[in-house]
């Protein structure tokens, strides 16, 4: 039996627990292996990142957008960050930028 995902979840359908397919079951949580991607995927990720950054108007605005999205999705995490919001937003931005580029 299939059910539709809740609002905000991927649009695809997933089987209920016990039905076989478990979303994320293919993720290895016991070791950290190097992520290897095909070059076209890397190019697409870089292009998406550049489009996102350009659409925000500034690095500060992009960092703030990332910060807001993170804490709107998981508000309980906000208590773990004691650094001022603007500083933390720029740290997110710098970390993601160095990861993507």
Protein backbone atom coordinates (compact mmCIF):
# COMPACT_ATOMS: atom_id res chain seq x y z
CA UNK A 1 0.00 0.00 0.00
CA UNK A 2 1.37 3.40 -0.93
CA UNK A 3 0.76 6.74 0.70
CA UNK A 4 1.49 10.27 -0.41
CA UNK A 5 4.26 12.08 1.40
CA UNK A 6 3.43 14.93 3.74
CA UNK A 7 3.72 18.53 2.61
CA UNK A 8 7.33 19.61 2.24
CA UNK A 9 8.55 16.08 1.54
CA UNK A 10 9.66 14.89 -1.90
CA UNK A 11 6.82 14.49 -4.34
CA UNK A 12 7.57 10.85 -4.94
CA UNK A 13 5.55 8.18 -3.20
CA UNK A 14 7.06 5.88 -0.61
CA UNK A 15 5.81 2.60 0.72
CA UNK A 16 4.78 2.41 4.33
CA UNK A 17 7.17 0.83 6.81
CA UNK A 18 7.24 -2.91 6.51
CA UNK A 19 6.51 -2.69 2.80
CA UNK A 20 10.08 -3.18 1.63
CA UNK A 21 11.50 0.16 0.49
CA UNK A 22 12.83 2.43 3.21
CA UNK A 23 13.82 5.94 2.21
CA UNK A 24 17.50 6.50 3.04
CA UNK A 25 18.26 2.83 3.69
CA UNK A 26 21.13 3.01 1.19
CA UNK A 27 22.96 5.63 3.29
CA UNK A 28 25.95 4.23 5.16
CA UNK A 29 25.97 5.79 8.64
CA UNK A 30 28.77 3.61 10.00
CA UNK A 31 31.70 5.00 8.04
CA UNK A 32 32.65 8.15 6.18
CA UNK A 33 33.67 7.46 2.62
CA UNK A 34 34.82 9.97 0.04
CA UNK A 35 31.98 11.18 -2.14
CA UNK A 36 32.77 10.70 -5.82
CA UNK A 37 30.52 12.30 -8.40
CA UNK A 38 30.55 12.28 -12.18
CA UNK A 39 31.83 15.48 -13.74
CA UNK A 40 28.46 16.47 -15.21
CA UNK A 41 26.88 16.29 -11.74
CA UNK A 42 29.66 18.45 -10.32
CA UNK A 43 29.14 20.98 -13.12
CA UNK A 44 25.40 21.06 -12.45
CA UNK A 45 25.95 21.54 -8.71
CA UNK A 46 28.35 24.42 -9.34
CA UNK A 47 25.93 25.99 -11.80
CA UNK A 48 23.07 25.72 -9.30
CA UNK A 49 25.21 27.21 -6.54
CA UNK A 50 26.26 30.12 -8.76
CA UNK A 51 22.63 30.73 -9.76
CA UNK A 52 21.57 30.71 -6.11
CA UNK A 53 24.33 33.13 -5.09
CA UNK A 54 23.64 35.49 -7.99
CA UNK A 55 19.93 35.50 -7.20
CA UNK A 56 20.50 36.57 -3.61
CA UNK A 57 22.29 39.78 -4.53
CA UNK A 58 25.18 39.45 -2.06
CA UNK A 59 27.10 36.84 -0.09
CA UNK A 60 25.53 38.18 3.10
CA UNK A 61 22.00 37.74 1.71
CA UNK A 62 22.84 34.23 0.48
CA UNK A 63 24.22 33.30 3.91
CA UNK A 64 21.12 34.68 5.59
CA UNK A 65 18.87 32.67 3.24
CA UNK A 66 20.76 29.47 4.09
CA UNK A 67 20.62 30.26 7.81
CA UNK A 68 16.86 30.93 7.64
CA UNK A 69 16.16 27.76 5.67
CA UNK A 70 18.14 25.63 8.09
CA UNK A 71 16.46 26.93 11.20
CA UNK A 72 12.97 27.03 9.73
CA UNK A 73 13.38 23.35 8.92
CA UNK A 74 14.90 22.44 12.28
CA UNK A 75 14.25 25.20 14.84
CA UNK A 76 15.64 23.10 17.68
CA UNK A 77 19.14 23.43 16.15
CA UNK A 78 19.18 27.19 16.65
CA UNK A 79 19.94 26.83 20.37
CA UNK A 80 23.19 25.05 19.47
CA UNK A 81 24.57 28.18 17.78
CA UNK A 82 25.56 30.97 20.16
CA UNK A 83 27.46 33.05 17.60
CA UNK A 84 25.61 36.15 16.36
CA UNK A 85 23.24 35.39 13.51
CA UNK A 86 25.08 37.46 10.87
CA UNK A 87 28.41 35.82 11.72
CA UNK A 88 26.92 32.32 11.63
CA UNK A 89 25.17 33.03 8.33
CA UNK A 90 28.49 34.04 6.78
CA UNK A 91 30.13 30.90 8.18
CA UNK A 92 27.45 28.75 6.54
CA UNK A 93 27.98 30.61 3.30
CA UNK A 94 31.76 30.27 3.41
CA UNK A 95 31.60 26.58 4.28
CA UNK A 96 29.14 25.72 1.54
CA UNK A 97 30.98 27.86 -0.98
CA UNK A 98 34.26 26.08 -0.31
CA UNK A 99 32.49 22.72 -0.53
CA UNK A 100 30.79 23.43 -3.84
CA UNK A 101 33.63 25.25 -5.58
